[in-house]
C-alpha cells in the first residue's frame, strides 16, 4: 500500500495507489482515520497536516502507509534481523605488505634502512 507517484516534466504528481490486499488497505485507512483524531501522537499530527492540504482521503492513505512501514520495522526489530542483508565485498582485502617490500620502498625514496630486532623491556 503505497501512495501513487506520477512524475511528468520534473513535477511530482499524485496517482492511484498500487494494487494490494484490499482488506489490509481498509484496515490501515480506518486506523489512520482513528489516529487522526488523537491529540498527542506524531501520526495524528501528520494526518491533520496532510488533510489540511491534500484532503482527508489522501491523508488517510499516506498515514496508513506510514503505519504499515512502522509495523514492518517493529517486526524486524523483534526478529533481530537486519532490514537489508549485508552487501558482498566487491574486492578481496589487500594482503599485508611484506617487510622486504616496505624496505625496498624506503630505499627507492632515498633512505638507508637497517633492521634490528627489538629487545624486550625488562
C-alpha atoms as a PDB file:
ATOM      1  CA  UNK A   1       0.000   0.000   0.000  1.00  0.00           C
ATOM      2  CA  UNK A   2       1.909   2.980  -1.274  1.00  0.00           C
ATOM      3  CA  UNK A   3       0.572   6.367  -2.294  1.00  0.00           C
ATOM      4  CA  UNK A   4       0.622   6.878  -6.037  1.00  0.00           C
ATOM      5  CA  UNK A   5       3.521   8.668  -7.664  1.00  0.00           C
ATOM      6  CA  UNK A   6       3.437  10.118 -11.157  1.00  0.00           C
ATOM      7  CA  UNK A   7       6.280  12.288 -12.438  1.00  0.00           C
ATOM      8  CA  UNK A   8       5.897  14.271 -15.632  1.00  0.00           C
ATOM      9  CA  UNK A   9       8.143  17.110 -16.807  1.00  0.00           C
ATOM     10  CA  UNK A  10      10.003  17.039 -13.489  1.00  0.00           C
ATOM     11  CA  UNK A  11       6.834  17.628 -11.467  1.00  0.00           C
ATOM     12  CA  UNK A  12       5.748  15.080  -8.878  1.00  0.00           C
ATOM     13  CA  UNK A  13       2.019  14.477  -9.037  1.00  0.00           C
ATOM     14  CA  UNK A  14      -0.272  12.125  -7.188  1.00  0.00           C
ATOM     15  CA  UNK A  15      -1.548   8.939  -8.756  1.00  0.00           C
ATOM     16  CA  UNK A  16      -3.573   5.871  -7.923  1.00  0.00           C
ATOM     17  CA  UNK A  17      -2.453   3.594  -5.131  1.00  0.00           C
ATOM     18  CA  UNK A  18      -0.822   0.347  -6.188  1.00  0.00           C
ATOM     19  CA  UNK A  19      -2.702  -2.930  -6.161  1.00  0.00           C
ATOM     20  CA  UNK A  20      -2.534  -4.901  -2.944  1.00  0.00           C
ATOM     21  CA  UNK A  21      -4.619  -6.505  -0.265  1.00  0.00           C
ATOM     22  CA  UNK A  22      -7.992  -4.805  -0.200  1.00  0.00           C
ATOM     23  CA  UNK A  23      -8.583  -5.875   3.405  1.00  0.00           C
ATOM     24  CA  UNK A  24      -5.206  -4.661   4.640  1.00  0.00           C
ATOM     25  CA  UNK A  25      -5.704  -1.296   2.919  1.00  0.00           C
ATOM     26  CA  UNK A  26      -9.152  -0.929   4.501  1.00  0.00           C
ATOM     27  CA  UNK A  27      -7.810  -1.710   7.974  1.00  0.00           C
ATOM     28  CA  UNK A  28      -4.899   0.696   7.589  1.00  0.00           C
ATOM     29  CA  UNK A  29      -7.116   3.521   6.347  1.00  0.00           C
ATOM     30  CA  UNK A  30      -9.520   3.016   9.266  1.00  0.00           C
ATOM     31  CA  UNK A  31      -6.581   3.003  11.686  1.00  0.00           C
ATOM     32  CA  UNK A  32      -5.205   6.164  10.078  1.00  0.00           C
ATOM     33  CA  UNK A  33      -8.550   7.927  10.423  1.00  0.00           C
ATOM     34  CA  UNK A  34      -8.714   6.896  14.071  1.00  0.00           C
ATOM     35  CA  UNK A  35      -5.185   8.089  14.790  1.00  0.00           C
ATOM     36  CA  UNK A  36      -6.056  11.364  13.041  1.00  0.00           C
ATOM     37  CA  UNK A  37      -8.454  12.125  15.881  1.00  0.00           C
ATOM     38  CA  UNK A  38      -5.852  11.559  18.599  1.00  0.00           C
ATOM     39  CA  UNK A  39      -4.341  14.647  20.150  1.00  0.00           C
ATOM     40  CA  UNK A  40      -0.844  13.649  21.250  1.00  0.00           C
ATOM     41  CA  UNK A  41       0.643  11.463  18.528  1.00  0.00           C
ATOM     42  CA  UNK A  42       3.047  12.033  15.679  1.00  0.00           C
ATOM     43  CA  UNK A  43       0.834  10.157  13.246  1.00  0.00           C
ATOM     44  CA  UNK A  44      -2.187  12.225  14.280  1.00  0.00           C
ATOM     45  CA  UNK A  45      -0.277  15.439  13.643  1.00  0.00           C
ATOM     46  CA  UNK A  46       0.866  14.091  10.270  1.00  0.00           C
ATOM     47  CA  UNK A  47      -2.731  13.188   9.367  1.00  0.00           C
ATOM     48  CA  UNK A  48      -4.009  16.644  10.239  1.00  0.00           C
ATOM     49  CA  UNK A  49      -1.176  18.389   8.355  1.00  0.00           C
ATOM     50  CA  UNK A  50      -1.784  16.319   5.233  1.00  0.00           C
ATOM     51  CA  UNK A  51      -5.557  16.618   5.490  1.00  0.00           C
ATOM     52  CA  UNK A  52      -5.296  20.408   5.547  1.00  0.00           C
ATOM     53  CA  UNK A  53      -3.550  20.492   2.171  1.00  0.00           C
ATOM     54  CA  UNK A  54      -4.421  17.231   0.408  1.00  0.00           C
ATOM     55  CA  UNK A  55      -7.759  16.177   1.869  1.00  0.00           C
ATOM     56  CA  UNK A  56      -8.822  13.564   4.392  1.00  0.00           C
ATOM     57  CA  UNK A  57      -8.834  10.607   1.990  1.00  0.00           C
ATOM     58  CA  UNK A  58      -5.297  11.137   0.719  1.00  0.00           C
ATOM     59  CA  UNK A  59      -4.083  11.830   4.245  1.00  0.00           C
ATOM     60  CA  UNK A  60      -5.631   8.548   5.407  1.00  0.00           C
ATOM     61  CA  UNK A  61      -3.810   6.591   2.685  1.00  0.00           C
ATOM     62  CA  UNK A  62      -0.485   8.315   3.427  1.00  0.00           C
ATOM     63  CA  UNK A  63      -0.738   7.772   7.188  1.00  0.00           C
ATOM     64  CA  UNK A  64      -1.908   4.185   6.614  1.00  0.00           C
ATOM     65  CA  UNK A  65       1.267   3.644   4.603  1.00  0.00           C
ATOM     66  CA  UNK A  66       3.303   5.115   7.477  1.00  0.00           C
ATOM     67  CA  UNK A  67       1.618   2.704   9.901  1.00  0.00           C
ATOM     68  CA  UNK A  68       2.488  -0.222   7.620  1.00  0.00           C
ATOM     69  CA  UNK A  69       6.150   0.852   7.404  1.00  0.00           C
ATOM     70  CA  UNK A  70       6.321   1.215  11.201  1.00  0.00           C
ATOM     71  CA  UNK A  71       4.817  -2.251  11.691  1.00  0.00           C
ATOM     72  CA  UNK A  72       7.361  -3.721   9.263  1.00  0.00           C
ATOM     73  CA  UNK A  73      10.301  -2.192  11.125  1.00  0.00           C
ATOM     74  CA  UNK A  74       8.938  -3.263  14.512  1.00  0.00           C
ATOM     75  CA  UNK A  75       8.645  -6.812  13.173  1.00  0.00           C
ATOM     76  CA  UNK A  76      12.290  -6.701  12.036  1.00  0.00           C
ATOM     77  CA  UNK A  77      13.378  -5.447  15.456  1.00  0.00           C
ATOM     78  CA  UNK A  78      11.508  -8.259  17.199  1.00  0.00           C
ATOM     79  CA  UNK A  79      13.145 -10.850  14.950  1.00  0.00           C
ATOM     80  CA  UNK A  80      16.557  -9.197  15.427  1.00  0.00           C
ATOM     81  CA  UNK A  81      17.331  -9.404  11.729  1.00  0.00           C
ATOM     82  CA  UNK A  82      18.856  -6.590   9.670  1.00  0.00           C
ATOM     83  CA  UNK A  83      16.449  -4.875   7.294  1.00  0.00           C
ATOM     84  CA  UNK A  84      18.919  -5.246   4.449  1.00  0.00           C
ATOM     85  CA  UNK A  85      21.290  -8.188   4.041  1.00  0.00           C
ATOM     86  CA  UNK A  86      24.968  -7.239   4.122  1.00  0.00           C
ATOM     87  CA  UNK A  87      26.400  -6.463   0.725  1.00  0.00           C
ATOM     88  CA  UNK A  88      29.068  -8.805  -0.616  1.00  0.00           C
ATOM     89  CA  UNK A  89      32.590  -7.450  -0.770  1.00  0.00           C
ATOM     90  CA  UNK A  90      33.440  -6.400  -4.284  1.00  0.00           C
ATOM     91  CA  UNK A  91      37.216  -6.646  -3.848  1.00  0.00           C
ATOM     92  CA  UNK A  92      39.165  -9.067  -1.698  1.00  0.00           C
ATOM     93  CA  UNK A  93      41.020  -7.419   1.192  1.00  0.00           C
ATOM     94  CA  UNK A  94      44.549  -6.288   0.412  1.00  0.00           C
ATOM     95  CA  UNK A  95      47.240  -8.548   1.841  1.00  0.00           C
ATOM     96  CA  UNK A  96      49.707  -7.209   4.386  1.00  0.00           C
ATOM     97  CA  UNK A  97      52.828  -5.862   2.658  1.00  0.00           C
ATOM     98  CA  UNK A  98      55.964  -7.892   3.344  1.00  0.00           C
ATOM     99  CA  UNK A  99      58.926  -6.409   5.223  1.00  0.00           C
ATOM    100  CA  UNK A 100      61.135  -6.794   2.144  1.00  0.00           C
ATOM    101  CA  UNK A 101      58.649  -4.811   0.067  1.00  0.00           C
ATOM    102  CA  UNK A 102      58.483  -1.988   2.636  1.00  0.00           C
ATOM    103  CA  UNK A 103      62.272  -1.818   2.883  1.00  0.00           C
ATOM    104  CA  UNK A 104      62.530  -1.677  -0.910  1.00  0.00           C
ATOM    105  CA  UNK A 105      60.048   1.218  -0.999  1.00  0.00           C
ATOM    106  CA  UNK A 106      62.052   3.191   1.577  1.00  0.00           C
ATOM    107  CA  UNK A 107      65.308   2.566  -0.317  1.00  0.00           C
ATOM    108  CA  UNK A 108      63.661   3.687  -3.549  1.00  0.00           C
ATOM    109  CA  UNK A 109      62.842   7.001  -1.872  1.00  0.00           C
ATOM    110  CA  UNK A 110      66.452   7.556  -0.802  1.00  0.00           C
ATOM    111  CA  UNK A 111      66.534   6.239   2.760  1.00  0.00           C
ATOM    112  CA  UNK A 112      69.192   3.975   4.235  1.00  0.00           C
ATOM    113  CA  UNK A 113      67.449   1.157   6.075  1.00  0.00           C
ATOM    114  CA  UNK A 114      68.861  -1.185   8.699  1.00  0.00           C
ATOM    115  CA  UNK A 115      66.629  -3.606  10.553  1.00  0.00           C
ATOM    116  CA  UNK A 116      67.313  -4.583  14.154  1.00  0.00           C
ATOM    117  CA  UNK A 117      65.128  -6.819  16.295  1.00  0.00           C
ATOM    118  CA  UNK A 118      63.519  -5.198  19.312  1.00  0.00           C
ATOM    119  CA  UNK A 119      64.784  -6.250  22.706  1.00  0.00           C
ATOM    120  CA  UNK A 120      62.029  -6.835  25.253  1.00  0.00           C
ATOM    121  CA  UNK A 121      61.847  -4.272  28.030  1.00  0.00           C
ATOM    122  CA  UNK A 122      62.699  -5.564  31.472  1.00  0.00           C
END
